[in-house]
Amino acid sequence: MSSIENMRYPEPRYHGAEGEVNASFRPADTPPEVSSPVGSTSYLATQESTGGEFGLYKGVFSSGSRRCRGAAPGS
């Protein structure tokens, strides 16, 4: 079991003095990569664009979408 006492920061990867600019621009009107009747998913940063470190996705769900069964007690 993990606890906050056992948490560690990863080793530093950037050692420059002035910072690093490495952003990418995604216009607000870019259509989502995945759409369905209950919502959509946009890829903000894929594993490919982060060198395999992580993936970052934006999920937008419609107001009429139903909760998953068993998602909350008493549902």
N, C-alpha and C. Protein backbone atom coordinates (compact mmCIF):
# COMPACT_ATOMS: atom_id res chain seq x y z
N MET A 1 0.84 -1.18 0.00
CA MET A 1 0.00 0.00 0.00
C MET A 1 0.89 1.24 0.00
N SER A 2 0.52 2.21 -0.80
CA SER A 2 1.32 3.43 -0.85
C SER A 2 0.76 4.46 0.11
N SER A 3 1.60 5.34 0.53
CA SER A 3 1.17 6.43 1.40
C SER A 3 1.95 7.67 1.03
N ILE A 4 1.50 8.79 1.52
CA ILE A 4 2.16 10.05 1.19
C ILE A 4 3.60 10.09 1.69
N GLU A 5 3.90 9.37 2.75
CA GLU A 5 5.27 9.34 3.27
C GLU A 5 6.22 8.64 2.31
N ASN A 6 5.70 7.75 1.47
CA ASN A 6 6.53 6.99 0.55
C ASN A 6 6.64 7.64 -0.83
N MET A 7 5.99 8.77 -1.03
CA MET A 7 6.02 9.41 -2.34
C MET A 7 7.39 10.04 -2.60
N ARG A 8 7.81 9.96 -3.87
CA ARG A 8 9.07 10.57 -4.27
C ARG A 8 8.85 11.36 -5.55
N TYR A 9 9.61 12.41 -5.71
CA TYR A 9 9.59 13.16 -6.96
C TYR A 9 10.50 12.46 -7.96
N PRO A 10 10.17 12.53 -9.26
CA PRO A 10 11.09 11.96 -10.25
C PRO A 10 12.37 12.78 -10.33
N GLU A 11 13.40 12.17 -10.87
CA GLU A 11 14.67 12.86 -11.04
C GLU A 11 14.48 14.04 -12.00
N PRO A 12 15.14 15.17 -11.76
CA PRO A 12 15.04 16.31 -12.67
C PRO A 12 15.55 15.95 -14.07
N ARG A 13 14.85 16.45 -15.09
CA ARG A 13 15.27 16.20 -16.47
C ARG A 13 15.74 17.47 -17.16
N TYR A 14 15.38 18.60 -16.63
CA TYR A 14 15.79 19.87 -17.24
C TYR A 14 16.68 20.60 -16.25
N HIS A 15 17.85 20.97 -16.69
CA HIS A 15 18.81 21.62 -15.80
C HIS A 15 19.21 23.01 -16.30
N GLY A 16 18.45 23.58 -17.22
CA GLY A 16 18.76 24.90 -17.75
C GLY A 16 18.43 26.00 -16.76
N ALA A 17 18.96 27.17 -17.01
CA ALA A 17 18.74 28.31 -16.11
C ALA A 17 17.59 29.21 -16.54
N GLU A 18 17.21 29.17 -17.81
CA GLU A 18 16.25 30.12 -18.34
C GLU A 18 14.87 29.54 -18.62
N GLY A 19 14.61 28.32 -18.32
CA GLY A 19 13.32 27.73 -18.65
C GLY A 19 13.33 27.15 -20.06
N GLU A 20 12.26 26.48 -20.41
CA GLU A 20 12.18 25.83 -21.71
C GLU A 20 10.79 26.07 -22.28
N VAL A 21 10.72 26.50 -23.52
CA VAL A 21 9.45 26.70 -24.21
C VAL A 21 9.23 25.50 -25.11
N ASN A 22 8.19 24.72 -24.83
CA ASN A 22 7.93 23.53 -25.65
C ASN A 22 6.44 23.23 -25.74
N ALA A 23 5.63 24.26 -25.88
CA ALA A 23 4.19 24.10 -25.94
C ALA A 23 3.73 23.86 -27.38
N SER A 24 2.54 23.33 -27.51
CA SER A 24 1.90 23.23 -28.82
C SER A 24 0.53 23.90 -28.72
N PHE A 25 0.03 24.41 -29.83
CA PHE A 25 -1.22 25.15 -29.86
C PHE A 25 -2.32 24.28 -30.43
N ARG A 26 -3.44 24.23 -29.74
CA ARG A 26 -4.63 23.52 -30.22
C ARG A 26 -5.78 24.52 -30.22
N PRO A 27 -6.23 24.97 -31.38
CA PRO A 27 -7.32 25.95 -31.42
C PRO A 27 -8.57 25.43 -30.72
N ALA A 28 -9.32 26.31 -30.10
CA ALA A 28 -10.52 25.94 -29.35
C ALA A 28 -11.57 25.28 -30.24
N ASP A 29 -11.58 25.60 -31.53
CA ASP A 29 -12.60 25.03 -32.41
C ASP A 29 -12.16 23.73 -33.08
N THR A 30 -11.06 23.13 -32.63
CA THR A 30 -10.63 21.84 -33.15
C THR A 30 -11.66 20.79 -32.76
N PRO A 31 -12.19 20.03 -33.72
CA PRO A 31 -13.19 19.02 -33.37
C PRO A 31 -12.56 17.89 -32.55
N PRO A 32 -13.35 17.25 -31.68
CA PRO A 32 -12.82 16.14 -30.87
C PRO A 32 -12.44 14.95 -31.75
N GLU A 33 -11.49 14.16 -31.30
CA GLU A 33 -11.07 12.97 -32.05
C GLU A 33 -12.09 11.84 -31.94
N VAL A 34 -12.80 11.77 -30.82
CA VAL A 34 -13.79 10.71 -30.61
C VAL A 34 -15.09 11.36 -30.16
N SER A 35 -16.19 11.01 -30.83
CA SER A 35 -17.50 11.53 -30.45
C SER A 35 -18.49 10.38 -30.33
N SER A 36 -19.44 10.52 -29.43
CA SER A 36 -20.51 9.53 -29.27
C SER A 36 -21.76 10.28 -28.81
N PRO A 37 -22.90 9.59 -28.74
CA PRO A 37 -24.12 10.27 -28.30
C PRO A 37 -24.03 10.83 -26.87
N VAL A 38 -23.13 10.30 -26.04
CA VAL A 38 -23.06 10.76 -24.64
C VAL A 38 -21.92 11.73 -24.38
N GLY A 39 -21.09 12.02 -25.37
CA GLY A 39 -20.01 12.97 -25.14
C GLY A 39 -18.91 12.87 -26.18
N SER A 40 -17.76 13.44 -25.83
CA SER A 40 -16.63 13.45 -26.76
C SER A 40 -15.31 13.42 -26.00
N THR A 41 -14.26 13.03 -26.72
CA THR A 41 -12.92 13.00 -26.14
C THR A 41 -11.95 13.67 -27.10
N SER A 42 -11.15 14.57 -26.56
CA SER A 42 -10.11 15.25 -27.33
C SER A 42 -8.75 14.84 -26.80
N TYR A 43 -7.82 14.59 -27.71
CA TYR A 43 -6.46 14.25 -27.32
C TYR A 43 -5.68 15.54 -27.14
N LEU A 44 -5.31 15.88 -25.92
CA LEU A 44 -4.53 17.09 -25.67
C LEU A 44 -3.04 16.82 -25.79
N ALA A 45 -2.61 15.68 -25.30
CA ALA A 45 -1.22 15.24 -25.43
C ALA A 45 -1.23 13.72 -25.48
N THR A 46 -0.78 13.17 -26.58
CA THR A 46 -0.74 11.72 -26.71
C THR A 46 0.58 11.18 -26.17
N GLN A 47 0.64 9.88 -25.97
CA GLN A 47 1.91 9.29 -25.54
C GLN A 47 3.00 9.54 -26.57
N GLU A 48 2.62 9.58 -27.82
CA GLU A 48 3.61 9.85 -28.88
C GLU A 48 4.19 11.26 -28.73
N SER A 49 3.33 12.24 -28.43
CA SER A 49 3.82 13.62 -28.34
C SER A 49 4.57 13.90 -27.04
N THR A 50 4.45 13.01 -26.04
CA THR A 50 5.17 13.21 -24.78
C THR A 50 6.31 12.22 -24.60
N GLY A 51 6.73 11.59 -25.68
CA GLY A 51 7.84 10.65 -25.60
C GLY A 51 7.51 9.42 -24.77
N GLY A 52 6.24 9.03 -24.75
CA GLY A 52 5.83 7.84 -24.00
C GLY A 52 5.62 8.08 -22.51
N GLU A 53 5.73 9.31 -22.07
CA GLU A 53 5.61 9.61 -20.64
C GLU A 53 4.17 9.52 -20.13
N PHE A 54 3.21 10.07 -20.87
CA PHE A 54 1.82 10.08 -20.43
C PHE A 54 0.92 10.47 -21.60
N GLY A 55 -0.36 10.32 -21.40
CA GLY A 55 -1.37 10.82 -22.34
C GLY A 55 -2.32 11.71 -21.57
N LEU A 56 -2.76 12.80 -22.19
CA LEU A 56 -3.67 13.73 -21.53
C LEU A 56 -4.88 13.92 -22.44
N TYR A 57 -6.06 13.64 -21.90
CA TYR A 57 -7.28 13.67 -22.69
C TYR A 57 -8.32 14.55 -22.01
N LYS A 58 -9.17 15.17 -22.81
CA LYS A 58 -10.27 15.99 -22.29
C LYS A 58 -11.57 15.28 -22.63
N GLY A 59 -12.31 14.89 -21.60
CA GLY A 59 -13.60 14.24 -21.80
C GLY A 59 -14.73 15.22 -21.51
N VAL A 60 -15.66 15.33 -22.44
CA VAL A 60 -16.82 16.20 -22.28
C VAL A 60 -18.06 15.33 -22.40
N PHE A 61 -18.89 15.34 -21.37
CA PHE A 61 -20.08 14.50 -21.36
C PHE A 61 -21.32 15.37 -21.45
N SER A 62 -22.29 14.89 -22.20
CA SER A 62 -23.52 15.67 -22.36
C SER A 62 -24.29 15.69 -21.05
N SER A 63 -25.09 16.73 -20.87
CA SER A 63 -25.85 16.86 -19.62
C SER A 63 -26.90 15.78 -19.50
N GLY A 64 -27.29 15.17 -20.59
CA GLY A 64 -28.30 14.13 -20.54
C GLY A 64 -27.74 12.73 -20.41
N SER A 65 -26.42 12.58 -20.33
CA SER A 65 -25.84 11.24 -20.23
C SER A 65 -26.15 10.65 -18.86
N ARG A 66 -26.37 9.35 -18.83
CA ARG A 66 -26.74 8.68 -17.59
C ARG A 66 -25.51 8.20 -16.87
N ARG A 67 -25.62 8.14 -15.54
CA ARG A 67 -24.52 7.59 -14.73
C ARG A 67 -24.34 6.12 -15.02
N CYS A 68 -23.12 5.66 -14.84
CA CYS A 68 -22.85 4.23 -14.94
C CYS A 68 -23.56 3.51 -13.81
N ARG A 69 -24.02 2.32 -14.09
CA ARG A 69 -24.65 1.54 -13.03
C ARG A 69 -23.64 1.25 -11.94
N GLY A 70 -24.04 1.42 -10.72
CA GLY A 70 -23.17 1.14 -9.60
C GLY A 70 -22.12 2.21 -9.35
N ALA A 71 -22.21 3.33 -10.04
CA ALA A 71 -21.21 4.37 -9.88
C ALA A 71 -21.29 5.04 -8.52
N ALA A 72 -22.48 5.07 -7.95
CA ALA A 72 -22.65 5.70 -6.64
C ALA A 72 -23.64 4.87 -5.84
N PRO A 73 -23.43 4.76 -4.54
CA PRO A 73 -24.38 4.01 -3.72
C PRO A 73 -25.79 4.58 -3.88
N GLY A 74 -26.74 3.67 -4.00
CA GLY A 74 -28.14 4.08 -4.09
C GLY A 74 -28.57 4.50 -5.48
N SER A 75 -27.72 4.32 -6.49
CA SER A 75 -28.12 4.74 -7.83
C SER A 75 -28.87 3.65 -8.55
